[in-house]
C-alpha atoms as a PDB file:
ATOM      1  CA  MET A   1      77.022 144.283 114.460  1.00  0.00           C
ATOM      2  CA  SER A   2      77.794 143.290 111.308  1.00  0.00           C
ATOM      3  CA  ARG A   3      81.216 143.613 108.993  1.00  0.00           C
ATOM      4  CA  LYS A   4      82.526 143.919 105.973  1.00  0.00           C
ATOM      5  CA  PRO A   5      85.351 141.591 105.384  1.00  0.00           C
ATOM      6  CA  LEU A   6      88.031 143.207 103.702  1.00  0.00           C
ATOM      7  CA  ILE A   7      88.795 141.368 100.121  1.00  0.00           C
ATOM      8  CA  ARG A   8      91.893 142.401  98.730  1.00  0.00           C
ATOM      9  CA  GLU A   9      91.355 142.140  94.578  1.00  0.00           C
ATOM     10  CA  VAL A  10      94.606 140.612  93.364  1.00  0.00           C
ATOM     11  CA  PRO A  11      94.118 140.155  89.732  1.00  0.00           C
ATOM     12  CA  PRO A  12      95.191 136.374  88.939  1.00  0.00           C
ATOM     13  CA  THR A  13      97.975 136.753  86.659  1.00  0.00           C
ATOM     14  CA  THR A  14      99.673 140.170  86.200  1.00  0.00           C
ATOM     15  CA  TRP A  15      99.557 141.310  90.183  1.00  0.00           C
ATOM     16  CA  TYR A  16     103.556 141.182  89.945  1.00  0.00           C
ATOM     17  CA  PHE A  17     103.523 143.952  87.534  1.00  0.00           C
ATOM     18  CA  ARG A  18     102.364 146.322  90.421  1.00  0.00           C
ATOM     19  CA  HIS A  19     105.935 146.687  91.344  1.00  0.00           C
ATOM     20  CA  PRO A  20     109.097 146.241  90.123  1.00  0.00           C
ATOM     21  CA  ARG A  21     109.780 144.194  93.108  1.00  0.00           C
ATOM     22  CA  TYR A  22     107.690 141.620  92.206  1.00  0.00           C
ATOM     23  CA  LEU A  23     108.678 141.540  88.487  1.00  0.00           C
ATOM     24  CA  ARG A  24     112.492 140.733  89.141  1.00  0.00           C
ATOM     25  CA  TYR A  25     110.952 138.030  91.782  1.00  0.00           C
ATOM     26  CA  MET A  26     108.680 136.760  89.088  1.00  0.00           C
ATOM     27  CA  SER A  27     111.195 136.934  86.751  1.00  0.00           C
ATOM     28  CA  ARG A  28     114.041 134.889  89.168  1.00  0.00           C
ATOM     29  CA  GLU A  29     111.438 132.652  89.128  1.00  0.00           C
ATOM     30  CA  ILE A  30     110.832 132.205  85.632  1.00  0.00           C
ATOM     31  CA  THR A  31     115.086 131.740  84.697  1.00  0.00           C
ATOM     32  CA  SER A  32     114.126 128.736  86.723  1.00  0.00           C
ATOM     33  CA  LEU A  33     112.053 126.977  84.019  1.00  0.00           C
ATOM     34  CA  PHE A  34     115.137 127.503  81.645  1.00  0.00           C
ATOM     35  CA  VAL A  35     118.322 126.019  84.533  1.00  0.00           C
ATOM     36  CA  GLY A  36     115.137 122.770  84.872  1.00  0.00           C
ATOM     37  CA  ALA A  37     114.964 122.445  80.930  1.00  0.00           C
ATOM     38  CA  TYR A  38     118.613 122.137  80.848  1.00  0.00           C
ATOM     39  CA  CYS A  39     118.901 119.859  83.124  1.00  0.00           C
ATOM     40  CA  VAL A  40     115.967 117.273  81.039  1.00  0.00           C
ATOM     41  CA  LEU A  41     118.507 117.910  77.897  1.00  0.00           C
ATOM     42  CA  LEU A  42     121.225 116.944  79.713  1.00  0.00           C
ATOM     43  CA  VAL A  43     119.877 113.531  80.956  1.00  0.00           C
ATOM     44  CA  CYS A  44     118.181 113.251  77.418  1.00  0.00           C
ATOM     45  CA  GLY A  45     121.928 113.872  76.532  1.00  0.00           C
ATOM     46  CA  LEU A  46     123.212 110.689  78.956  1.00  0.00           C
ATOM     47  CA  GLY A  47     120.102 108.156  77.396  1.00  0.00           C
ATOM     48  CA  ALA A  48     121.725 108.768  74.361  1.00  0.00           C
ATOM     49  CA  LEU A  49     125.288 107.942  75.554  1.00  0.00           C
ATOM     50  CA  ALA A  50     123.711 104.654  77.004  1.00  0.00           C
ATOM     51  CA  ASP A  51     122.219 104.209  74.259  1.00  0.00           C
ATOM     52  CA  GLY A  52     125.252 103.426  71.666  1.00  0.00           C
ATOM     53  CA  LYS A  53     127.589 105.912  69.793  1.00  0.00           C
ATOM     54  CA  GLU A  54     125.289 106.230  66.889  1.00  0.00           C
ATOM     55  CA  SER A  55     122.632 107.498  68.850  1.00  0.00           C
ATOM     56  CA  TYR A  56     125.005 110.071  71.006  1.00  0.00           C
ATOM     57  CA  GLU A  57     126.602 110.963  67.624  1.00  0.00           C
ATOM     58  CA  ALA A  58     122.829 112.035  66.476  1.00  0.00           C
ATOM     59  CA  PHE A  59     122.267 114.214  69.616  1.00  0.00           C
ATOM     60  CA  LEU A  60     125.317 115.790  69.420  1.00  0.00           C
ATOM     61  CA  LEU A  61     124.839 116.730  65.600  1.00  0.00           C
ATOM     62  CA  ALA A  62     120.901 117.487  66.922  1.00  0.00           C
ATOM     63  CA  LEU A  63     122.103 120.065  69.576  1.00  0.00           C
ATOM     64  CA  GLN A  64     125.214 121.633  66.374  1.00  0.00           C
ATOM     65  CA  SER A  65     121.255 123.135  64.827  1.00  0.00           C
ATOM     66  CA  PRO A  66     120.406 126.725  65.142  1.00  0.00           C
ATOM     67  CA  LEU A  67     117.694 126.576  67.473  1.00  0.00           C
ATOM     68  CA  SER A  68     119.422 124.678  70.067  1.00  0.00           C
ATOM     69  CA  ILE A  69     122.372 126.734  70.013  1.00  0.00           C
ATOM     70  CA  ALA A  70     119.657 129.785  70.596  1.00  0.00           C
ATOM     71  CA  PHE A  71     118.116 127.590  73.787  1.00  0.00           C
ATOM     72  CA  HIS A  72     122.162 127.194  74.862  1.00  0.00           C
ATOM     73  CA  VAL A  73     122.471 131.061  74.878  1.00  0.00           C
ATOM     74  CA  ALA A  74     119.201 131.379  76.886  1.00  0.00           C
ATOM     75  CA  ALA A  75     119.200 128.808  79.058  1.00  0.00           C
ATOM     76  CA  PHE A  76     122.829 130.002  79.908  1.00  0.00           C
ATOM     77  CA  ILE A  77     121.684 133.898  80.420  1.00  0.00           C
ATOM     78  CA  ALA A  78     118.829 132.463  82.441  1.00  0.00           C
ATOM     79  CA  ALA A  79     121.921 130.615  84.851  1.00  0.00           C
ATOM     80  CA  LEU A  80     123.422 133.831  84.739  1.00  0.00           C
ATOM     81  CA  TYR A  81     121.183 135.373  86.049  1.00  0.00           C
ATOM     82  CA  HIS A  82     119.562 133.308  88.321  1.00  0.00           C
ATOM     83  CA  ALA A  83     122.782 132.515  90.300  1.00  0.00           C
ATOM     84  CA  THR A  84     123.285 136.335  90.550  1.00  0.00           C
ATOM     85  CA  THR A  85     120.239 137.057  91.843  1.00  0.00           C
ATOM     86  CA  TRP A  86     120.427 133.778  94.739  1.00  0.00           C
ATOM     87  CA  PHE A  87     123.967 135.009  95.374  1.00  0.00           C
ATOM     88  CA  ASN A  88     122.335 138.647  96.238  1.00  0.00           C
ATOM     89  CA  ALA A  89     120.147 137.289  97.740  1.00  0.00           C
ATOM     90  CA  THR A  90     121.780 134.818 100.249  1.00  0.00           C
ATOM     91  CA  GLN A  91     122.952 137.995 102.464  1.00  0.00           C
ATOM     92  CA  VAL A  92     119.103 138.378 103.386  1.00  0.00           C
ATOM     93  CA  ALA A  93     117.724 134.852 103.167  1.00  0.00           C
ATOM     94  CA  MET A  94     121.241 133.153 105.953  1.00  0.00           C
ATOM     95  CA  PRO A  95     122.897 135.520 107.944  1.00  0.00           C
ATOM     96  CA  ILE A  96     125.343 134.109 110.247  1.00  0.00           C
ATOM     97  CA  GLN A  97     126.285 135.454 113.077  1.00  0.00           C
ATOM     98  CA  ILE A  98     128.808 134.903 115.123  1.00  0.00           C
ATOM     99  CA  GLY A  99     128.664 135.460 118.911  1.00  0.00           C
ATOM    100  CA  GLU A 100     126.894 138.766 119.442  1.00  0.00           C
ATOM    101  CA  ASN A 101     127.745 140.354 115.821  1.00  0.00           C
ATOM    102  CA  PHE A 102     126.664 139.137 112.349  1.00  0.00           C
ATOM    103  CA  VAL A 103     129.233 138.593 109.342  1.00  0.00           C
ATOM    104  CA  PRO A 104     128.915 141.532 106.963  1.00  0.00           C
ATOM    105  CA  GLY A 105     126.138 140.575 103.709  1.00  0.00           C
ATOM    106  CA  SER A 106     128.539 141.577 101.193  1.00  0.00           C
ATOM    107  CA  TRP A 107     131.106 139.166 102.944  1.00  0.00           C
ATOM    108  CA  ILE A 108     128.718 136.283 102.315  1.00  0.00           C
ATOM    109  CA  SER A 109     127.466 137.281  98.598  1.00  0.00           C
ATOM    110  CA  GLY A 110     131.477 137.417  98.023  1.00  0.00           C
ATOM    111  CA  ALA A 111     132.105 134.439  99.322  1.00  0.00           C
ATOM    112  CA  HIS A 112     129.491 132.769  96.939  1.00  0.00           C
ATOM    113  CA  TYR A 113     131.173 134.854  93.974  1.00  0.00           C
ATOM    114  CA  VAL A 114     134.711 133.290  95.204  1.00  0.00           C
ATOM    115  CA  VAL A 115     133.737 129.536  95.183  1.00  0.00           C
ATOM    116  CA  TRP A 116     131.842 129.775  91.865  1.00  0.00           C
ATOM    117  CA  ALA A 117     134.879 130.721  90.014  1.00  0.00           C
ATOM    118  CA  LEU A 118     136.951 128.518  91.447  1.00  0.00           C
ATOM    119  CA  LEU A 119     134.628 125.800  90.656  1.00  0.00           C
ATOM    120  CA  SER A 120     134.533 126.730  87.367  1.00  0.00           C
ATOM    121  CA  VAL A 121     138.563 126.990  86.818  1.00  0.00           C
ATOM    122  CA  VAL A 122     138.236 123.702  88.108  1.00  0.00           C
ATOM    123  CA  VAL A 123     135.623 122.822  85.540  1.00  0.00           C
ATOM    124  CA  ILE A 124     137.409 124.386  82.696  1.00  0.00           C
ATOM    125  CA  LEU A 125     140.820 122.847  84.029  1.00  0.00           C
ATOM    126  CA  LEU A 126     138.297 119.466  84.434  1.00  0.00           C
ATOM    127  CA  ALA A 127     137.434 119.505  80.479  1.00  0.00           C
ATOM    128  CA  GLY A 128     140.897 120.357  79.429  1.00  0.00           C
ATOM    129  CA  VAL A 129     139.859 123.046  77.586  1.00  0.00           C
ATOM    130  CA  PHE A 130     143.572 124.969  78.910  1.00  0.00           C
END
């Protein structure tokens, strides 16, 4: 008795357009590229700082270009979307069990948002903005 194996036809590059959930997943994954590129930019800034005052001033001057400002805005929006979607997913990815009961998912996500806000305030205070 011969049976044909089940072979699913999955388009290699457009599979995530089939369902809105897949599209949200891929958009979240793409935002990590912006976050990674921004990390590379910060490392380049540290390298320019290590090279001396003239190199660092040239780096700061390059950051004032319209293309750099557009990249910073895009990276900020991507980082916000990435963090928000991750915080909302933590209630499923990291369920906390105390005894027989689970902590409500809204508490887990809410705790992440509270810590994010507190750390943002600490960074702003350390930066001397206020």
